[in-house]
Amino acid sequence: MDGYEWDLAKARLHFERHGVRFVDAALSLEDPFAVTVANPDSEGEARFVALALDPQGRILVVVYSHGSEKTRIISARRASPGERAQSARRDA
């Protein structure tokens, strides 16, 4: 997928743990209604956290950074019930 990159071993691990593929996480970043904030816990590089809808309609939490040429997916998981509620309030 052009414009995005990720560590393949980390992507496999996240899929096993969270059932989310990084390709779906990358596609969720294209959600026009995604909410993105700077990650206050990141050290050394600017990281961002997005709450966004993936192609299957799941609300994901995606952590990523902007590289010089590509956006790097760092982690992705399904949003918690509280995070989904925040998203629902935002859409109301």
Protein backbone atom coordinates (compact mmCIF):
# COMPACT_ATOMS: atom_id res chain seq x y z
CA MET A 1 0.00 0.00 0.00
CA ASP A 2 1.67 3.22 -1.17
CA GLY A 3 2.19 5.95 1.36
CA TYR A 4 2.31 3.62 4.39
CA GLU A 5 4.85 1.31 5.97
CA TRP A 6 5.12 -0.93 9.01
CA ASP A 7 7.24 -3.60 10.61
CA LEU A 8 6.01 -6.97 9.34
CA ALA A 9 6.76 -8.86 12.58
CA LYS A 10 4.94 -6.22 14.63
CA ALA A 11 2.00 -6.33 12.21
CA ARG A 12 1.68 -10.12 12.64
CA LEU A 13 1.87 -9.78 16.42
CA HIS A 14 -0.83 -7.09 16.46
CA PHE A 15 -3.08 -9.22 14.27
CA GLU A 16 -2.67 -12.20 16.63
CA ARG A 17 -3.33 -10.08 19.71
CA HIS A 18 -5.96 -7.64 18.45
CA GLY A 19 -7.38 -9.11 15.22
CA VAL A 20 -6.52 -5.92 13.31
CA ARG A 21 -4.41 -5.92 10.17
CA PHE A 22 -2.13 -2.94 9.65
CA VAL A 23 -3.43 -2.56 6.09
CA ASP A 24 -6.90 -1.92 7.59
CA ALA A 25 -5.33 0.50 10.07
CA ALA A 26 -3.72 2.39 7.18
CA LEU A 27 -7.02 2.52 5.32
CA SER A 28 -8.76 3.81 8.45
CA LEU A 29 -6.46 6.83 8.40
CA GLU A 30 -8.25 7.84 5.20
CA ASP A 31 -11.54 8.15 7.15
CA PRO A 32 -12.67 11.76 6.63
CA PHE A 33 -14.26 11.76 10.10
CA ALA A 34 -11.20 10.39 11.92
CA VAL A 35 -10.17 12.21 15.07
CA THR A 36 -6.40 12.55 15.46
CA VAL A 37 -4.40 13.96 18.37
CA ALA A 38 -0.70 14.15 19.11
CA ASN A 39 0.47 11.30 21.35
CA PRO A 40 1.65 12.96 24.56
CA ASP A 41 3.62 9.84 25.58
CA SER A 42 5.88 9.73 22.53
CA GLU A 43 9.56 10.42 23.01
CA GLY A 44 11.98 11.28 20.25
CA GLU A 45 9.56 11.34 17.34
CA ALA A 46 6.17 12.96 16.84
CA ARG A 47 3.49 10.28 17.07
CA PHE A 48 -0.23 10.60 16.57
CA VAL A 49 -3.26 8.65 17.78
CA ALA A 50 -6.29 8.36 15.50
CA LEU A 51 -9.78 7.12 16.30
CA ALA A 52 -11.09 6.08 12.89
CA LEU A 53 -13.39 3.72 11.01
CA ASP A 54 -11.78 0.87 9.05
CA PRO A 55 -13.17 -0.73 5.85
CA GLN A 56 -15.08 -3.35 7.91
CA GLY A 57 -16.82 -0.65 9.95
CA ARG A 58 -14.78 -1.21 13.12
CA ILE A 59 -13.64 1.79 15.11
CA LEU A 60 -9.88 1.52 15.52
CA VAL A 61 -7.25 3.26 17.60
CA VAL A 62 -4.20 3.69 15.38
CA VAL A 63 -0.83 5.04 16.49
CA TYR A 64 1.37 6.30 13.68
CA SER A 65 4.15 8.71 12.76
CA HIS A 66 5.03 10.64 9.64
CA GLY A 67 8.29 9.60 8.04
CA SER A 68 10.10 11.54 5.37
CA GLU A 69 8.22 9.73 2.61
CA LYS A 70 5.66 7.42 4.23
CA THR A 71 3.36 7.23 7.22
CA ARG A 72 4.52 4.49 9.59
CA ILE A 73 1.86 2.44 11.38
CA ILE A 74 3.09 1.69 14.90
CA SER A 75 0.09 -0.03 16.47
CA ALA A 76 -3.59 -0.67 15.87
CA ARG A 77 -6.39 -2.15 17.93
CA ARG A 78 -10.15 -2.04 18.21
CA ALA A 79 -11.43 0.88 20.21
CA SER A 80 -12.58 0.16 23.77
CA PRO A 81 -16.26 0.62 24.66
CA GLY A 82 -15.43 4.02 26.18
CA GLU A 83 -13.55 5.10 23.07
CA ARG A 84 -16.43 3.93 20.88
CA ALA A 85 -18.83 5.97 23.03
CA GLN A 86 -16.64 9.04 22.53
CA SER A 87 -16.80 8.44 18.80
CA ALA A 88 -20.59 8.08 18.89
CA ARG A 89 -20.93 11.38 20.79
CA ARG A 90 -18.69 13.06 18.24
CA ASP A 91 -20.93 11.82 15.39
CA ALA A 92 -24.20 12.82 17.06
